[in-house]
Amino acid sequence: MTLQDEKFTTGELALKLKRAPETLVRWRRLRQGPPYIRLQGRVLYDKGAVERWLQDQSVQAGSP
C-alpha cells in the first residue's frame, strides 16, 4: 500500500460491493473480507488491496 493509492471508507466500499456496511463490519470482526487499515480511529480500505482480495475470491467453474 502506498499513500497515493485510493482509499475507501466502509460506506464507500459497501456501495461498490453492493453489500450493507454492516456486512463489512461483521467481516472485520470475523477476520474475513478485504484487508483494511485503522487510522486515527477510521477504517479505510486500500483500492489495490481490495482488488487483490476480490481476485483471490474467484472460484473456477466446477470447484467446490
PDB file of N, CA and C in Angstrom:
ATOM      1  N   MET A   1       0.842  -1.181   0.000  1.00  0.00           N
ATOM      2  CA  MET A   1       0.000   0.000   0.000  1.00  0.00           C
ATOM      3  C   MET A   1       0.882   1.237   0.000  1.00  0.00           C
ATOM      4  N   THR A   2       0.499   2.201  -0.784  1.00  0.00           N
ATOM      5  CA  THR A   2       1.202   3.477  -0.775  1.00  0.00           C
ATOM      6  C   THR A   2       0.216   4.573  -0.418  1.00  0.00           C
ATOM      7  N   LEU A   3       0.748   5.703  -0.026  1.00  0.00           N
ATOM      8  CA  LEU A   3      -0.124   6.796   0.394  1.00  0.00           C
ATOM      9  C   LEU A   3      -0.957   7.349  -0.749  1.00  0.00           C
ATOM     10  N   GLN A   4      -0.466   7.255  -1.989  1.00  0.00           N
ATOM     11  CA  GLN A   4      -1.229   7.823  -3.095  1.00  0.00           C
ATOM     12  C   GLN A   4      -2.319   6.884  -3.615  1.00  0.00           C
ATOM     13  N   ASP A   5      -2.345   5.621  -3.155  1.00  0.00           N
ATOM     14  CA  ASP A   5      -3.409   4.712  -3.574  1.00  0.00           C
ATOM     15  C   ASP A   5      -4.754   5.215  -3.063  1.00  0.00           C
ATOM     16  N   GLU A   6      -5.790   4.983  -3.857  1.00  0.00           N
ATOM     17  CA  GLU A   6      -7.130   5.406  -3.464  1.00  0.00           C
ATOM     18  C   GLU A   6      -7.600   4.587  -2.267  1.00  0.00           C
ATOM     19  N   LYS A   7      -8.276   5.237  -1.342  1.00  0.00           N
ATOM     20  CA  LYS A   7      -8.806   4.588  -0.149  1.00  0.00           C
ATOM     21  C   LYS A   7     -10.322   4.717  -0.135  1.00  0.00           C
ATOM     22  N   PHE A   8     -10.993   3.729   0.443  1.00  0.00           N
ATOM     23  CA  PHE A   8     -12.440   3.750   0.581  1.00  0.00           C
ATOM     24  C   PHE A   8     -12.811   3.662   2.055  1.00  0.00           C
ATOM     25  N   THR A   9     -13.856   4.356   2.431  1.00  0.00           N
ATOM     26  CA  THR A   9     -14.431   4.162   3.760  1.00  0.00           C
ATOM     27  C   THR A   9     -15.289   2.892   3.715  1.00  0.00           C
ATOM     28  N   THR A  10     -15.763   2.477   4.868  1.00  0.00           N
ATOM     29  CA  THR A  10     -16.645   1.306   4.918  1.00  0.00           C
ATOM     30  C   THR A  10     -17.885   1.536   4.060  1.00  0.00           C
ATOM     31  N   GLY A  11     -18.493   2.705   4.174  1.00  0.00           N
ATOM     32  CA  GLY A  11     -19.694   3.003   3.395  1.00  0.00           C
ATOM     33  C   GLY A  11     -19.441   3.011   1.897  1.00  0.00           C
ATOM     34  N   GLU A  12     -18.321   3.610   1.490  1.00  0.00           N
ATOM     35  CA  GLU A  12     -17.986   3.660   0.056  1.00  0.00           C
ATOM     36  C   GLU A  12     -17.746   2.271  -0.507  1.00  0.00           C
ATOM     37  N   LEU A  13     -16.997   1.454   0.238  1.00  0.00           N
ATOM     38  CA  LEU A  13     -16.719   0.097  -0.259  1.00  0.00           C
ATOM     39  C   LEU A  13     -17.984  -0.748  -0.261  1.00  0.00           C
ATOM     40  N   ALA A  14     -18.822  -0.569   0.732  1.00  0.00           N
ATOM     41  CA  ALA A  14     -20.084  -1.310   0.772  1.00  0.00           C
ATOM     42  C   ALA A  14     -20.912  -1.022  -0.481  1.00  0.00           C
ATOM     43  N   LEU A  15     -20.964   0.232  -0.890  1.00  0.00           N
ATOM     44  CA  LEU A  15     -21.694   0.584  -2.120  1.00  0.00           C
ATOM     45  C   LEU A  15     -21.085  -0.107  -3.336  1.00  0.00           C
ATOM     46  N   LYS A  16     -19.761  -0.089  -3.439  1.00  0.00           N
ATOM     47  CA  LYS A  16     -19.086  -0.706  -4.589  1.00  0.00           C
ATOM     48  C   LYS A  16     -19.308  -2.211  -4.633  1.00  0.00           C
ATOM     49  N   LEU A  17     -19.331  -2.850  -3.457  1.00  0.00           N
ATOM     50  CA  LEU A  17     -19.513  -4.311  -3.389  1.00  0.00           C
ATOM     51  C   LEU A  17     -20.985  -4.715  -3.341  1.00  0.00           C
ATOM     52  N   LYS A  18     -21.872  -3.705  -3.276  1.00  0.00           N
ATOM     53  CA  LYS A  18     -23.314  -3.946  -3.183  1.00  0.00           C
ATOM     54  C   LYS A  18     -23.636  -4.807  -1.962  1.00  0.00           C
ATOM     55  N   ARG A  19     -23.054  -4.404  -0.847  1.00  0.00           N
ATOM     56  CA  ARG A  19     -23.280  -5.050   0.445  1.00  0.00           C
ATOM     57  C   ARG A  19     -23.622  -3.979   1.463  1.00  0.00           C
ATOM     58  N   ALA A  20     -24.269  -4.366   2.524  1.00  0.00           N
ATOM     59  CA  ALA A  20     -24.559  -3.425   3.607  1.00  0.00           C
ATOM     60  C   ALA A  20     -23.263  -3.120   4.352  1.00  0.00           C
ATOM     61  N   PRO A  21     -23.113  -1.885   4.830  1.00  0.00           N
ATOM     62  CA  PRO A  21     -21.920  -1.573   5.625  1.00  0.00           C
ATOM     63  C   PRO A  21     -21.754  -2.513   6.816  1.00  0.00           C
ATOM     64  N   GLU A  22     -22.861  -2.976   7.371  1.00  0.00           N
ATOM     65  CA  GLU A  22     -22.799  -3.907   8.498  1.00  0.00           C
ATOM     66  C   GLU A  22     -22.115  -5.216   8.120  1.00  0.00           C
ATOM     67  N   THR A  23     -22.226  -5.603   6.848  1.00  0.00           N
ATOM     68  CA  THR A  23     -21.550  -6.818   6.380  1.00  0.00           C
ATOM     69  C   THR A  23     -20.038  -6.648   6.489  1.00  0.00           C
ATOM     70  N   LEU A  24     -19.523  -5.497   6.079  1.00  0.00           N
ATOM     71  CA  LEU A  24     -18.089  -5.260   6.189  1.00  0.00           C
ATOM     72  C   LEU A  24     -17.648  -5.209   7.645  1.00  0.00           C
ATOM     73  N   VAL A  25     -18.481  -4.628   8.506  1.00  0.00           N
ATOM     74  CA  VAL A  25     -18.174  -4.603   9.936  1.00  0.00           C
ATOM     75  C   VAL A  25     -18.104  -6.041  10.473  1.00  0.00           C
ATOM     76  N   ARG A  26     -19.064  -6.871  10.083  1.00  0.00           N
ATOM     77  CA  ARG A  26     -19.070  -8.273  10.512  1.00  0.00           C
ATOM     78  C   ARG A  26     -17.846  -9.015   9.989  1.00  0.00           C
ATOM     79  N   TRP A  27     -17.497  -8.794   8.718  1.00  0.00           N
ATOM     80  CA  TRP A  27     -16.312  -9.437   8.156  1.00  0.00           C
ATOM     81  C   TRP A  27     -15.063  -9.059   8.945  1.00  0.00           C
ATOM     82  N   ARG A  28     -14.952  -7.774   9.333  1.00  0.00           N
ATOM     83  CA  ARG A  28     -13.780  -7.361  10.124  1.00  0.00           C
ATOM     84  C   ARG A  28     -13.745  -8.087  11.454  1.00  0.00           C
ATOM     85  N   ARG A  29     -14.903  -8.158  12.096  1.00  0.00           N
ATOM     86  CA  ARG A  29     -14.987  -8.823  13.396  1.00  0.00           C
ATOM     87  C   ARG A  29     -14.604 -10.300  13.283  1.00  0.00           C
ATOM     88  N   LEU A  30     -14.992 -10.944  12.176  1.00  0.00           N
ATOM     89  CA  LEU A  30     -14.704 -12.359  11.950  1.00  0.00           C
ATOM     90  C   LEU A  30     -13.345 -12.590  11.281  1.00  0.00           C
ATOM     91  N   ARG A  31     -12.623 -11.487  11.026  1.00  0.00           N
ATOM     92  CA  ARG A  31     -11.335 -11.547  10.336  1.00  0.00           C
ATOM     93  C   ARG A  31     -11.469 -12.169   8.944  1.00  0.00           C
ATOM     94  N   GLN A  32     -12.539 -11.781   8.267  1.00  0.00           N
ATOM     95  CA  GLN A  32     -12.789 -12.170   6.881  1.00  0.00           C
ATOM     96  C   GLN A  32     -12.838 -10.898   6.061  1.00  0.00           C
ATOM     97  N   GLY A  33     -13.056 -11.042   4.769  1.00  0.00           N
ATOM     98  CA  GLY A  33     -13.223  -9.862   3.934  1.00  0.00           C
ATOM     99  C   GLY A  33     -11.899  -9.218   3.563  1.00  0.00           C
ATOM    100  N   PRO A  34     -11.989  -8.086   2.887  1.00  0.00           N
ATOM    101  CA  PRO A  34     -10.775  -7.427   2.389  1.00  0.00           C
ATOM    102  C   PRO A  34      -9.942  -6.837   3.531  1.00  0.00           C
ATOM    103  N   PRO A  35      -8.629  -6.743   3.314  1.00  0.00           N
ATOM    104  CA  PRO A  35      -7.778  -6.121   4.334  1.00  0.00           C
ATOM    105  C   PRO A  35      -8.126  -4.643   4.494  1.00  0.00           C
ATOM    106  N   TYR A  36      -7.887  -4.132   5.685  1.00  0.00           N
ATOM    107  CA  TYR A  36      -8.194  -2.732   5.970  1.00  0.00           C
ATOM    108  C   TYR A  36      -7.118  -2.158   6.870  1.00  0.00           C
ATOM    109  N   ILE A  37      -7.118  -0.848   6.970  1.00  0.00           N
ATOM    110  CA  ILE A  37      -6.222  -0.184   7.907  1.00  0.00           C
ATOM    111  C   ILE A  37      -7.075   0.661   8.845  1.00  0.00           C
ATOM    112  N   ARG A  38      -6.590   0.805  10.049  1.00  0.00           N
ATOM    113  CA  ARG A  38      -7.264   1.670  11.019  1.00  0.00           C
ATOM    114  C   ARG A  38      -6.328   2.852  11.243  1.00  0.00           C
ATOM    115  N   LEU A  39      -6.813   4.039  10.930  1.00  0.00           N
ATOM    116  CA  LEU A  39      -6.004   5.245  11.018  1.00  0.00           C
ATOM    117  C   LEU A  39      -6.751   6.276  11.847  1.00  0.00           C
ATOM    118  N   GLN A  40      -6.234   6.564  13.006  1.00  0.00           N
ATOM    119  CA  GLN A  40      -6.850   7.531  13.921  1.00  0.00           C
ATOM    120  C   GLN A  40      -8.328   7.228  14.143  1.00  0.00           C
ATOM    121  N   GLY A  41      -8.629   5.956  14.359  1.00  0.00           N
ATOM    122  CA  GLY A  41      -9.998   5.540  14.646  1.00  0.00           C
ATOM    123  C   GLY A  41     -10.870   5.317  13.428  1.00  0.00           C
ATOM    124  N   ARG A  42     -10.373   5.635  12.239  1.00  0.00           N
ATOM    125  CA  ARG A  42     -11.135   5.432  10.996  1.00  0.00           C
ATOM    126  C   ARG A  42     -10.684   4.148  10.328  1.00  0.00           C
ATOM    127  N   VAL A  43     -11.612   3.444   9.754  1.00  0.00           N
ATOM    128  CA  VAL A  43     -11.303   2.242   8.983  1.00  0.00           C
ATOM    129  C   VAL A  43     -11.277   2.630   7.512  1.00  0.00           C
ATOM    130  N   LEU A  44     -10.183   2.293   6.845  1.00  0.00           N
ATOM    131  CA  LEU A  44     -10.041   2.578   5.418  1.00  0.00           C
ATOM    132  C   LEU A  44      -9.618   1.319   4.688  1.00  0.00           C
ATOM    133  N   TYR A  45     -10.058   1.202   3.447  1.00  0.00           N
ATOM    134  CA  TYR A  45      -9.713   0.079   2.593  1.00  0.00           C
ATOM    135  C   TYR A  45      -8.913   0.612   1.412  1.00  0.00           C
ATOM    136  N   ASP A  46      -7.764   0.021   1.161  1.00  0.00           N
ATOM    137  CA  ASP A  46      -6.917   0.398   0.038  1.00  0.00           C
ATOM    138  C   ASP A  46      -7.455  -0.255  -1.237  1.00  0.00           C
ATOM    139  N   LYS A  47      -7.632   0.542  -2.283  1.00  0.00           N
ATOM    140  CA  LYS A  47      -8.214   0.046  -3.538  1.00  0.00           C
ATOM    141  C   LYS A  47      -7.440  -1.152  -4.080  1.00  0.00           C
ATOM    142  N   GLY A  48      -6.120  -1.066  -4.125  1.00  0.00           N
ATOM    143  CA  GLY A  48      -5.316  -2.173  -4.655  1.00  0.00           C
ATOM    144  C   GLY A  48      -5.470  -3.438  -3.837  1.00  0.00           C
ATOM    145  N   ALA A  49      -5.502  -3.301  -2.515  1.00  0.00           N
ATOM    146  CA  ALA A  49      -5.663  -4.466  -1.639  1.00  0.00           C
ATOM    147  C   ALA A  49      -7.045  -5.098  -1.825  1.00  0.00           C
ATOM    148  N   VAL A  50      -8.057  -4.257  -2.002  1.00  0.00           N
ATOM    149  CA  VAL A  50      -9.408  -4.777  -2.229  1.00  0.00           C
ATOM    150  C   VAL A  50      -9.472  -5.520  -3.562  1.00  0.00           C
ATOM    151  N   GLU A  51      -8.849  -4.954  -4.597  1.00  0.00           N
ATOM    152  CA  GLU A  51      -8.846  -5.617  -5.905  1.00  0.00           C
ATOM    153  C   GLU A  51      -8.143  -6.966  -5.832  1.00  0.00           C
ATOM    154  N   ARG A  52      -7.016  -7.052  -5.110  1.00  0.00           N
ATOM    155  CA  ARG A  52      -6.312  -8.338  -4.943  1.00  0.00           C
ATOM    156  C   ARG A  52      -7.177  -9.323  -4.166  1.00  0.00           C
ATOM    157  N   TRP A  53      -7.853  -8.844  -3.124  1.00  0.00           N
ATOM    158  CA  TRP A  53      -8.727  -9.708  -2.339  1.00  0.00           C
ATOM    159  C   TRP A  53      -9.850 -10.263  -3.217  1.00  0.00           C
ATOM    160  N   LEU A  54     -10.438  -9.403  -4.051  1.00  0.00           N
ATOM    161  CA  LEU A  54     -11.505  -9.869  -4.940  1.00  0.00           C
ATOM    162  C   LEU A  54     -10.998 -10.930  -5.902  1.00  0.00           C
ATOM    163  N   GLN A  55      -9.806 -10.747  -6.442  1.00  0.00           N
ATOM    164  CA  GLN A  55      -9.224 -11.754  -7.323  1.00  0.00           C
ATOM    165  C   GLN A  55      -9.051 -13.082  -6.601  1.00  0.00           C
ATOM    166  N   ASP A  56      -8.621 -13.016  -5.365  1.00  0.00           N
ATOM    167  CA  ASP A  56      -8.414 -14.226  -4.559  1.00  0.00           C
ATOM    168  C   ASP A  56      -9.725 -14.952  -4.280  1.00  0.00           C
ATOM    169  N   GLN A  57     -10.860 -14.253  -4.395  1.00  0.00           N
ATOM    170  CA  GLN A  57     -12.162 -14.864  -4.120  1.00  0.00           C
ATOM    171  C   GLN A  57     -12.710 -15.610  -5.335  1.00  0.00           C
ATOM    172  N   SER A  58     -12.046 -15.470  -6.481  1.00  0.00           N
ATOM    173  CA  SER A  58     -12.516 -16.123  -7.699  1.00  0.00           C
ATOM    174  C   SER A  58     -12.515 -17.644  -7.534  1.00  0.00           C
ATOM    175  N   VAL A  59     -13.574 -18.265  -8.039  1.00  0.00           N
ATOM    176  CA  VAL A  59     -13.705 -19.716  -7.975  1.00  0.00           C
ATOM    177  C   VAL A  59     -13.820 -20.232  -9.405  1.00  0.00           C
ATOM    178  N   GLN A  60     -13.039 -21.245  -9.719  1.00  0.00           N
ATOM    179  CA  GLN A  60     -13.100 -21.845 -11.054  1.00  0.00           C
ATOM    180  C   GLN A  60     -14.379 -22.663 -11.179  1.00  0.00           C
ATOM    181  N   ALA A  61     -14.975 -22.666 -12.372  1.00  0.00           N
ATOM    182  CA  ALA A  61     -16.182 -23.460 -12.602  1.00  0.00           C
ATOM    183  C   ALA A  61     -15.886 -24.918 -12.269  1.00  0.00           C
ATOM    184  N   GLY A  62     -16.805 -25.520 -11.559  1.00  0.00           N
ATOM    185  CA  GLY A  62     -16.658 -26.929 -11.168  1.00  0.00           C
ATOM    186  C   GLY A  62     -15.905 -27.110  -9.870  1.00  0.00           C
ATOM    187  N   SER A  63     -15.396 -26.024  -9.271  1.00  0.00           N
ATOM    188  CA  SER A  63     -14.699 -26.115  -7.985  1.00  0.00           C
ATOM    189  C   SER A  63     -15.732 -26.059  -6.858  1.00  0.00           C
ATOM    190  N   PRO A  64     -15.425 -26.682  -5.733  1.00  0.00           N
ATOM    191  CA  PRO A  64     -16.361 -26.634  -4.607  1.00  0.00           C
ATOM    192  C   PRO A  64     -16.478 -25.261  -4.007  1.00  0.00           C
TER     193      PRO A  64
END
